[in-house]
Amino acid sequence: MLRFSFCFFSILFFMVNNFAQSNLNDQIDKDYNYLLELYKHYHSNPELSFKEEKTAKRMAAELQQLGFEVHTKIGGHGVVGILKNGKGPTVMVRADMDALPIIEDTGKPYASKVKVTDDQGKEVGVMHACGHDMHMTVWAGTARALLTMKDQWKGTLIMLGQPAEERGGGAKAMLNDGLYERFPKPDYALALHVSAGLETGKVGYCPEYAMANVDMVDIEIFGEGGHGAYPHTTKDPIVLAARLILDFQTIVSREISPLEPAVLTVGSIHGGSKHNIIPEHVKLELTLRSYSDQVRNDLIEKIERTCEGVAQSAGIPKDKYPKVFVRDEFCPSLFNNNELCEQVTGKLKKVMGEDNVVKVKPVMAGEDFSRYGRTAENVPVLLFWLGAVEAEKIAAANRGELELPSLHSAQFAPVPETTIKTGVEAMTNAVLELMEK
């Protein structure tokens, strides 16, 4: 009798879950045309970091029409939507909304033609080259799906629209504006990010460290300028810069454990004005990548030490040692909570199929979604990848026949239909797994 009861309830549970998944797929199909137009709207009307005023209004409107309690202008243009549905966990779903200063070259009929003046006074194109338009579309689709399925979950749903991810400041601004004090504190925080190397229809996951610490470092190198024909009467900052660039390479190769991931890249060097003039100073711009906080701190300390040592060896007076400035755009590494990752991906494998939920390697890109799990509240966070590329192109790239455009490329554009539908299916099921009755 006990065995019969177990079998009966197992069959019943299977039938109920299949029915729920069928309802979800029907809802996604029903919403698709609406979501496609929403995606095209976001894609065609991008806004740069900290300037997402119109985008935020549209995101807020999407939640308001569904009956969410909506709060705006959190940490700038941040949006918080709250839907309470009885007693249960609080789950936060985040989407980022800002675009990049890139002129689009996808050839899509809905391609961005937006041009604006940036903070430096330059006219730049604006494009959603990192897929935030897709993130916002999936976010809206998830909210719509969960509203229609209120009888299948209990708890508090928080839909978070975040500004300025590309500048690494949006999450910090929202948290500093009291996100966890003014609104329900989440028990879990979820996000997704499109992948430029994963087939559409699939999702990817990476337990533990998934994305890197990101630091931007400016270095000003001082010397004593003069005539290029009389270098012995000067202290050449261009030569000092060249020495530093080479010496920096040994920090990762010789001073950081080879078992610890680290990247140090000098991305910009500016100095001088004419062929025969030795300048007074040179500027370097660096990006640093790491996973552990210890390695991050070590990189910064060793850069400062190397700058002082090279300056001293060149006879530069102490008051003219290079100035090392770590910009306030630090983005901490993203650590996906193991238990949360296992629970969510287990559910996704059941409903989407084992072959469509794949484990992927960590990357050295940055994501300030990490900050939501870096506060005193210690909220478990999980960001997973959403495939966005045609299977045929993936196969051709694997054969070496073409190169896929990367994120932040002027040619990057996700496949709309399968990416939208897969994203809504995956994120909705992730929330249901955490909040199911």
Protein backbone atom coordinates (compact mmCIF):
# COMPACT_ATOMS: atom_id res chain seq x y z
CA MET A 1 0.00 0.00 0.00
CA LEU A 2 2.83 2.40 0.90
CA ARG A 3 4.58 1.63 -2.39
CA PHE A 4 1.33 2.19 -4.30
CA SER A 5 0.82 5.59 -2.59
CA PHE A 6 4.36 6.66 -3.41
CA CYS A 7 3.92 5.70 -7.06
CA PHE A 8 0.54 7.43 -7.23
CA PHE A 9 1.86 10.71 -5.83
CA SER A 10 4.97 10.52 -8.04
CA ILE A 11 2.77 10.19 -11.12
CA LEU A 12 0.52 12.99 -9.88
CA PHE A 13 3.52 15.27 -9.27
CA PHE A 14 4.84 14.51 -12.75
CA MET A 15 1.47 15.27 -14.33
CA VAL A 16 1.08 18.56 -12.43
CA ASN A 17 4.56 19.70 -13.43
CA ASN A 18 3.98 18.79 -17.06
CA PHE A 19 0.70 20.69 -17.00
CA ALA A 20 2.41 23.76 -15.50
CA GLN A 21 5.17 23.63 -18.11
CA SER A 22 2.58 23.31 -20.89
CA ASN A 23 0.76 26.35 -19.52
CA LEU A 24 4.00 28.30 -19.39
CA ASN A 25 4.90 27.43 -22.97
CA ASP A 26 1.40 28.45 -24.10
CA GLN A 27 1.78 31.77 -22.27
CA ILE A 28 5.19 32.40 -23.87
CA ASP A 29 3.79 31.67 -27.35
CA LYS A 30 0.85 33.96 -26.66
CA ASP A 31 3.15 36.78 -25.49
CA TYR A 32 5.81 36.40 -28.16
CA ASN A 33 4.58 39.00 -30.66
CA TYR A 34 4.24 41.54 -27.84
CA LEU A 35 7.71 40.73 -26.52
CA LEU A 36 9.24 40.88 -29.99
CA GLU A 37 7.94 44.43 -30.48
CA LEU A 38 9.19 45.32 -27.00
CA TYR A 39 12.62 43.94 -27.88
CA LYS A 40 12.72 45.96 -31.11
CA HIS A 41 11.73 49.08 -29.17
CA TYR A 42 14.53 48.64 -26.65
CA HIS A 43 17.03 47.78 -29.40
CA SER A 44 16.14 50.83 -31.49
CA ASN A 45 16.11 53.26 -28.57
CA PRO A 46 19.25 52.61 -26.50
CA GLU A 47 20.54 54.96 -23.81
CA LEU A 48 24.01 55.22 -22.28
CA SER A 49 24.87 54.46 -18.66
CA PHE A 50 23.34 56.83 -16.08
CA LYS A 51 21.13 58.32 -18.83
CA GLU A 52 18.47 55.57 -19.07
CA GLU A 53 15.52 57.86 -18.33
CA LYS A 54 13.19 56.75 -21.16
CA THR A 55 14.18 53.11 -20.85
CA ALA A 56 13.41 53.16 -17.12
CA LYS A 57 10.00 54.72 -17.78
CA ARG A 58 9.15 51.93 -20.21
CA MET A 59 10.32 49.25 -17.78
CA ALA A 60 8.25 50.79 -15.01
CA ALA A 61 5.22 50.98 -17.32
CA GLU A 62 5.56 47.28 -18.16
CA LEU A 63 5.24 46.43 -14.46
CA GLN A 64 2.54 48.99 -13.70
CA GLN A 65 0.21 47.54 -16.31
CA LEU A 66 0.59 44.16 -14.61
CA GLY A 67 -0.38 45.52 -11.20
CA PHE A 68 3.07 45.58 -9.56
CA GLU A 69 3.87 48.11 -6.85
CA VAL A 70 6.44 50.17 -8.73
CA HIS A 71 9.18 52.48 -7.42
CA THR A 72 11.40 54.53 -9.71
CA LYS A 73 14.58 56.62 -9.56
CA ILE A 74 16.32 54.24 -7.19
CA GLY A 75 20.05 54.89 -7.40
CA GLY A 76 19.53 57.04 -10.48
CA HIS A 77 17.15 55.51 -13.01
CA GLY A 78 16.67 52.20 -11.18
CA VAL A 79 13.24 50.54 -11.13
CA VAL A 80 11.87 48.27 -8.39
CA GLY A 81 8.62 46.35 -8.94
CA ILE A 82 7.08 44.32 -6.11
CA LEU A 83 4.35 41.67 -6.38
CA LYS A 84 3.29 40.00 -3.13
CA ASN A 85 1.55 36.66 -3.40
CA GLY A 86 1.18 35.22 0.07
CA LYS A 87 3.78 33.93 2.47
CA GLY A 88 6.95 32.50 0.98
CA PRO A 89 10.47 33.33 -0.21
CA THR A 90 11.43 36.69 -1.68
CA VAL A 91 13.07 36.32 -5.09
CA MET A 92 14.66 39.21 -6.99
CA VAL A 93 15.02 39.11 -10.78
CA ARG A 94 17.37 41.72 -12.19
CA ALA A 95 17.79 43.11 -15.71
CA ASP A 96 20.30 45.79 -16.73
CA MET A 97 19.17 48.55 -19.08
CA ASP A 98 22.11 50.62 -20.35
CA ALA A 99 23.75 50.49 -23.79
CA LEU A 100 27.23 51.16 -25.19
CA PRO A 101 28.81 54.01 -27.22
CA ILE A 102 29.04 51.96 -30.44
CA ILE A 103 27.71 52.64 -33.95
CA GLU A 104 25.60 49.61 -34.86
CA ASP A 105 26.57 47.60 -37.93
CA THR A 106 24.18 44.63 -37.83
CA GLY A 107 22.06 45.58 -40.84
CA LYS A 108 18.90 44.78 -38.89
CA PRO A 109 15.77 46.72 -39.91
CA TYR A 110 15.37 47.72 -36.26
CA ALA A 111 19.04 48.69 -35.83
CA SER A 112 19.83 51.66 -33.62
CA LYS A 113 20.44 54.95 -35.38
CA VAL A 114 20.81 56.86 -32.11
CA LYS A 115 23.67 59.32 -31.76
CA VAL A 116 24.35 61.42 -28.67
CA THR A 117 27.03 63.63 -27.16
CA ASP A 118 28.95 61.76 -24.48
CA ASP A 119 30.44 63.09 -21.24
CA GLN A 120 33.61 64.16 -23.11
CA GLY A 121 31.62 66.22 -25.61
CA LYS A 122 32.08 63.75 -28.47
CA GLU A 123 29.27 62.56 -30.74
CA VAL A 124 28.92 58.79 -30.42
CA GLY A 125 26.59 56.12 -31.68
CA VAL A 126 24.61 54.13 -29.12
CA MET A 127 23.89 50.42 -29.37
CA HIS A 128 22.75 47.50 -27.24
CA ALA A 129 25.85 45.52 -28.13
CA CYS A 130 25.82 43.57 -24.85
CA GLY A 131 22.27 42.25 -25.05
CA HIS A 132 20.66 44.36 -22.35
CA ASP A 133 17.70 44.88 -24.68
CA MET A 134 17.20 41.10 -24.60
CA HIS A 135 17.62 41.04 -20.82
CA MET A 136 14.86 43.63 -20.40
CA THR A 137 12.57 41.78 -22.80
CA VAL A 138 13.01 38.46 -21.00
CA TRP A 139 12.51 40.30 -17.69
CA ALA A 140 9.15 41.65 -18.87
CA GLY A 141 8.15 38.25 -20.26
CA THR A 142 9.03 36.59 -16.96
CA ALA A 143 6.91 39.09 -15.01
CA ARG A 144 3.99 38.51 -17.37
CA ALA A 145 4.30 34.73 -17.14
CA LEU A 146 4.55 34.68 -13.35
CA LEU A 147 1.50 36.90 -13.04
CA THR A 148 -0.60 34.41 -15.02
CA MET A 149 0.76 31.57 -12.85
CA LYS A 150 0.10 33.13 -9.44
CA ASP A 151 -1.75 30.00 -8.35
CA GLN A 152 1.50 28.02 -8.65
CA TRP A 153 3.81 30.05 -6.42
CA LYS A 154 3.86 31.84 -3.07
CA GLY A 155 6.08 34.63 -1.88
CA THR A 156 7.28 38.08 -2.91
CA LEU A 157 8.58 38.75 -6.41
CA ILE A 158 10.92 41.70 -6.92
CA MET A 159 11.60 42.78 -10.50
CA LEU A 160 14.69 45.00 -10.54
CA GLY A 161 15.61 47.24 -13.48
CA GLN A 162 19.21 48.34 -13.01
CA PRO A 163 21.03 51.25 -14.67
CA ALA A 164 24.72 51.65 -15.50
CA GLU A 165 25.94 48.06 -15.53
CA GLU A 166 28.41 48.91 -18.29
CA ARG A 167 30.03 51.52 -16.04
CA GLY A 168 30.04 49.16 -13.06
CA GLY A 169 28.12 51.64 -10.91
CA GLY A 170 24.43 50.79 -11.17
CA ALA A 171 24.17 48.03 -8.59
CA LYS A 172 26.29 50.00 -6.13
CA ALA A 173 24.09 53.06 -6.59
CA MET A 174 20.88 51.10 -5.99
CA LEU A 175 22.29 49.42 -2.89
CA ASN A 176 23.56 52.76 -1.57
CA ASP A 177 20.07 54.16 -2.13
CA GLY A 178 18.70 51.63 0.35
CA LEU A 179 17.61 48.79 -1.92
CA TYR A 180 17.78 46.21 0.88
CA GLU A 181 16.48 48.60 3.55
CA ARG A 182 13.58 50.28 1.72
CA PHE A 183 12.26 47.14 0.03
CA PRO A 184 11.92 43.47 1.00
CA LYS A 185 15.33 41.84 1.29
CA PRO A 186 15.61 38.99 -1.23
CA ASP A 187 16.27 35.44 -0.17
CA TYR A 188 17.63 34.82 -3.66
CA ALA A 189 18.75 37.03 -6.54
CA LEU A 190 18.67 35.86 -10.18
CA ALA A 191 19.89 37.29 -13.46
CA LEU A 192 20.80 36.11 -16.94
CA HIS A 193 23.16 37.35 -19.63
CA VAL A 194 23.12 36.61 -23.34
CA SER A 195 26.08 34.66 -24.67
CA ALA A 196 27.75 35.39 -28.00
CA GLY A 197 29.22 31.89 -28.10
CA LEU A 198 26.30 29.68 -27.04
CA GLU A 199 23.61 28.29 -29.32
CA THR A 200 20.18 29.87 -29.03
CA GLY A 201 17.74 27.56 -27.26
CA LYS A 202 20.34 26.64 -24.64
CA VAL A 203 21.37 28.10 -21.29
CA GLY A 204 24.78 27.88 -19.67
CA TYR A 205 25.72 27.80 -16.01
CA CYS A 206 28.97 28.17 -14.08
CA PRO A 207 29.12 27.32 -10.35
CA GLU A 208 31.24 29.44 -7.99
CA TYR A 209 33.44 32.07 -9.69
CA ALA A 210 31.80 32.89 -13.03
CA MET A 211 33.02 36.43 -13.78
CA ALA A 212 35.95 38.52 -12.65
CA ASN A 213 36.95 41.41 -10.44
CA VAL A 214 37.37 44.37 -12.77
CA ASP A 215 39.55 47.40 -12.00
CA MET A 216 40.41 50.37 -14.19
CA VAL A 217 43.73 51.99 -13.24
CA ASP A 218 45.17 55.31 -14.44
CA ILE A 219 48.90 56.00 -14.08
CA GLU A 220 50.55 59.37 -14.66
CA ILE A 221 54.30 59.17 -15.23
CA PHE A 222 56.37 62.30 -14.68
CA GLY A 223 59.75 63.22 -16.14
CA GLU A 224 61.79 66.26 -17.13
CA GLY A 225 61.12 67.34 -20.69
CA GLY A 226 63.43 68.88 -23.23
CA HIS A 227 64.86 68.71 -26.74
CA GLY A 228 64.89 65.29 -28.38
CA ALA A 229 68.46 65.94 -29.59
CA TYR A 230 69.72 66.32 -26.01
CA PRO A 231 68.15 63.39 -24.12
CA HIS A 232 70.92 63.45 -21.52
CA THR A 233 69.52 66.73 -20.18
CA THR A 234 66.08 65.20 -19.62
CA LYS A 235 64.40 62.36 -17.80
CA ASP A 236 62.28 60.78 -20.50
CA PRO A 237 58.80 59.69 -19.27
CA ILE A 238 58.16 57.81 -22.53
CA VAL A 239 61.10 55.52 -21.81
CA LEU A 240 59.86 55.14 -18.22
CA ALA A 241 56.41 54.21 -19.57
CA ALA A 242 57.95 51.60 -21.88
CA ARG A 243 59.90 50.09 -19.00
CA LEU A 244 56.80 49.97 -16.82
CA ILE A 245 54.69 48.30 -19.51
CA LEU A 246 57.26 45.50 -19.80
CA ASP A 247 57.80 45.20 -16.06
CA PHE A 248 54.05 44.97 -15.45
CA GLN A 249 53.94 41.78 -17.51
CA THR A 250 56.12 39.98 -14.98
CA ILE A 251 53.65 40.72 -12.17
CA VAL A 252 51.22 38.10 -13.47
CA SER A 253 53.84 35.74 -14.90
CA ARG A 254 56.24 35.78 -11.96
CA GLU A 255 54.55 37.20 -8.86
CA ILE A 256 51.03 35.73 -8.95
CA SER A 257 50.55 31.99 -8.50
CA PRO A 258 49.92 30.27 -11.85
CA LEU A 259 46.96 28.58 -10.18
CA GLU A 260 45.28 31.96 -9.62
CA PRO A 261 43.65 33.63 -12.65
CA ALA A 262 44.85 37.19 -13.27
CA VAL A 263 45.05 39.60 -16.20
CA LEU A 264 46.90 42.92 -16.45
CA THR A 265 46.41 44.80 -19.71
CA VAL A 266 47.75 48.22 -20.66
CA GLY A 267 45.03 49.44 -22.99
CA SER A 268 46.09 53.02 -23.58
CA ILE A 269 49.27 55.12 -23.62
CA HIS A 270 49.27 58.87 -24.27
CA GLY A 271 52.22 61.23 -24.22
CA GLY A 272 54.17 63.72 -26.24
CA SER A 273 53.27 66.28 -28.89
CA LYS A 274 56.06 66.31 -31.51
CA HIS A 275 58.87 64.19 -32.96
CA ASN A 276 61.73 66.07 -31.32
CA ILE A 277 60.23 67.03 -27.96
CA ILE A 278 60.66 64.88 -24.86
CA PRO A 279 57.47 65.50 -22.85
CA GLU A 280 56.96 66.21 -19.17
CA HIS A 281 54.55 63.33 -18.55
CA VAL A 282 52.85 60.25 -20.02
CA LYS A 283 49.53 58.62 -19.10
CA LEU A 284 48.77 54.90 -19.04
CA GLU A 285 45.35 53.25 -18.67
CA LEU A 286 45.17 49.67 -17.41
CA THR A 287 42.49 47.07 -16.80
CA LEU A 288 43.00 44.40 -14.13
CA ARG A 289 41.06 41.14 -13.89
CA SER A 290 41.06 38.52 -11.12
CA TYR A 291 38.71 36.29 -9.16
CA SER A 292 39.92 36.40 -5.55
CA ASP A 293 40.08 39.62 -3.55
CA GLN A 294 43.61 38.73 -2.44
CA VAL A 295 44.88 38.58 -6.02
CA ARG A 296 43.12 41.85 -6.80
CA ASN A 297 44.83 43.59 -3.89
CA ASP A 298 48.17 42.02 -4.80
CA LEU A 299 47.97 43.32 -8.39
CA ILE A 300 47.35 46.88 -7.23
CA GLU A 301 50.12 46.77 -4.60
CA LYS A 302 52.66 45.36 -7.06
CA ILE A 303 51.81 47.98 -9.70
CA GLU A 304 52.44 50.74 -7.16
CA ARG A 305 55.70 49.13 -6.03
CA THR A 306 56.91 48.68 -9.62
CA CYS A 307 56.15 52.32 -10.45
CA GLU A 308 58.18 53.54 -7.50
CA GLY A 309 61.07 51.20 -8.25
CA VAL A 310 61.38 52.18 -11.93
CA ALA A 311 61.11 55.89 -11.09
CA GLN A 312 63.79 55.60 -8.42
CA SER A 313 66.14 53.73 -10.77
CA ALA A 314 65.74 56.52 -13.35
CA GLY A 315 66.66 59.20 -10.81
CA ILE A 316 63.18 60.69 -10.59
CA PRO A 317 62.77 62.66 -7.34
CA LYS A 318 60.34 61.18 -4.86
CA ASP A 319 57.84 64.01 -5.26
CA LYS A 320 57.60 63.09 -8.95
CA TYR A 321 57.07 59.36 -8.58
CA PRO A 322 54.25 58.05 -10.81
CA LYS A 323 50.74 58.56 -9.49
CA VAL A 324 48.58 55.43 -9.50
CA PHE A 325 44.84 56.06 -9.40
CA VAL A 326 42.36 53.18 -9.08
CA ARG A 327 39.08 54.42 -10.52
CA ASP A 328 35.88 54.19 -8.53
CA GLU A 329 34.43 51.82 -11.13
CA PHE A 330 35.51 48.61 -9.43
CA CYS A 331 33.27 45.63 -10.17
CA PRO A 332 33.66 42.69 -7.78
CA SER A 333 33.88 39.13 -9.04
CA LEU A 334 30.66 37.18 -9.46
CA PHE A 335 30.41 34.08 -7.27
CA ASN A 336 27.41 31.93 -8.10
CA ASN A 337 26.08 30.24 -4.98
CA ASN A 338 26.64 26.49 -5.35
CA GLU A 339 23.40 25.32 -3.74
CA LEU A 340 21.31 27.85 -5.65
CA CYS A 341 23.04 26.97 -8.91
CA GLU A 342 22.46 23.24 -8.39
CA GLN A 343 18.81 23.72 -7.46
CA VAL A 344 17.94 26.00 -10.38
CA THR A 345 19.90 24.13 -13.04
CA GLY A 346 18.41 20.86 -11.82
CA LYS A 347 14.95 22.25 -12.50
CA LEU A 348 15.97 23.67 -15.88
CA LYS A 349 17.40 20.32 -16.97
CA LYS A 350 14.10 18.65 -16.15
CA VAL A 351 11.92 21.07 -18.09
CA MET A 352 14.29 22.03 -20.92
CA GLY A 353 16.29 18.83 -21.36
CA GLU A 354 19.80 17.90 -20.25
CA ASP A 355 21.31 18.83 -23.63
CA ASN A 356 19.94 22.38 -23.42
CA VAL A 357 21.45 23.21 -20.01
CA VAL A 358 25.23 23.10 -20.27
CA LYS A 359 28.07 23.83 -17.89
CA VAL A 360 30.37 26.58 -19.18
CA LYS A 361 33.75 27.94 -18.12
CA PRO A 362 34.24 31.13 -16.11
CA VAL A 363 35.23 34.28 -18.00
CA MET A 364 37.29 37.36 -17.24
CA ALA A 365 34.50 39.80 -18.11
CA GLY A 366 32.84 41.70 -15.26
CA GLU A 367 29.24 42.01 -14.04
CA ASP A 368 28.12 44.24 -11.19
CA PHE A 369 25.20 41.89 -10.47
CA SER A 370 27.82 40.40 -8.15
CA ARG A 371 27.30 43.26 -5.70
CA TYR A 372 23.85 42.01 -4.69
CA GLY A 373 25.57 39.03 -3.08
CA ARG A 374 28.42 41.04 -1.55
CA THR A 375 26.54 42.90 1.18
CA ALA A 376 26.20 42.09 4.88
CA GLU A 377 22.90 40.33 4.05
CA ASN A 378 24.88 37.67 2.12
CA VAL A 379 22.12 37.04 -0.43
CA PRO A 380 22.72 33.93 -2.59
CA VAL A 381 23.01 35.01 -6.23
CA LEU A 382 22.98 33.20 -9.55
CA LEU A 383 23.60 34.54 -13.05
CA PHE A 384 23.27 32.12 -15.95
CA TRP A 385 24.01 32.49 -19.65
CA LEU A 386 21.38 32.63 -22.40
CA GLY A 387 22.40 31.30 -25.81
CA ALA A 388 21.79 33.84 -28.59
CA VAL A 389 23.51 32.54 -31.75
CA GLU A 390 22.16 30.40 -34.62
CA ALA A 391 23.25 26.75 -34.42
CA GLU A 392 24.54 26.92 -38.01
CA LYS A 393 26.86 29.81 -37.17
CA ILE A 394 28.14 28.04 -34.05
CA ALA A 395 28.93 24.97 -36.17
CA ALA A 396 30.63 27.07 -38.87
CA ALA A 397 32.72 28.86 -36.25
CA ASN A 398 33.76 25.51 -34.76
CA ARG A 399 34.92 24.46 -38.24
CA GLY A 400 36.96 27.65 -38.53
CA GLU A 401 34.86 29.01 -41.38
CA LEU A 402 33.85 32.25 -39.66
CA GLU A 403 34.40 34.30 -36.52
CA LEU A 404 31.42 35.05 -34.34
CA PRO A 405 30.99 38.69 -33.30
CA SER A 406 31.59 39.04 -29.57
CA LEU A 407 29.64 40.97 -27.02
CA HIS A 408 30.42 44.69 -27.40
CA SER A 409 30.84 44.19 -31.16
CA ALA A 410 29.01 46.46 -33.62
CA GLN A 411 27.89 43.27 -35.41
CA PHE A 412 26.42 41.46 -32.40
CA ALA A 413 22.67 40.82 -32.43
CA PRO A 414 20.85 37.89 -30.77
CA VAL A 415 18.42 35.63 -32.65
CA PRO A 416 15.13 37.12 -31.41
CA GLU A 417 12.52 34.35 -31.26
CA THR A 418 14.28 31.38 -29.72
CA THR A 419 16.36 33.61 -27.45
CA ILE A 420 13.34 35.45 -26.07
CA LYS A 421 11.31 32.27 -25.60
CA THR A 422 14.17 30.33 -24.03
CA GLY A 423 15.03 33.23 -21.73
CA VAL A 424 11.46 33.59 -20.45
CA GLU A 425 11.11 29.83 -20.03
CA ALA A 426 14.39 29.53 -18.12
CA MET A 427 13.95 32.54 -15.83
CA THR A 428 10.30 31.77 -15.06
CA ASN A 429 11.15 28.19 -14.16
CA ALA A 430 14.06 29.40 -12.02
CA VAL A 431 11.68 31.58 -10.00
CA LEU A 432 9.03 28.84 -9.79
CA GLU A 433 11.60 26.39 -8.47
CA LEU A 434 12.35 28.75 -5.58
CA MET A 435 8.75 29.83 -4.90
CA GLU A 436 6.56 26.86 -5.86
CA LYS A 437 3.74 25.92 -3.50
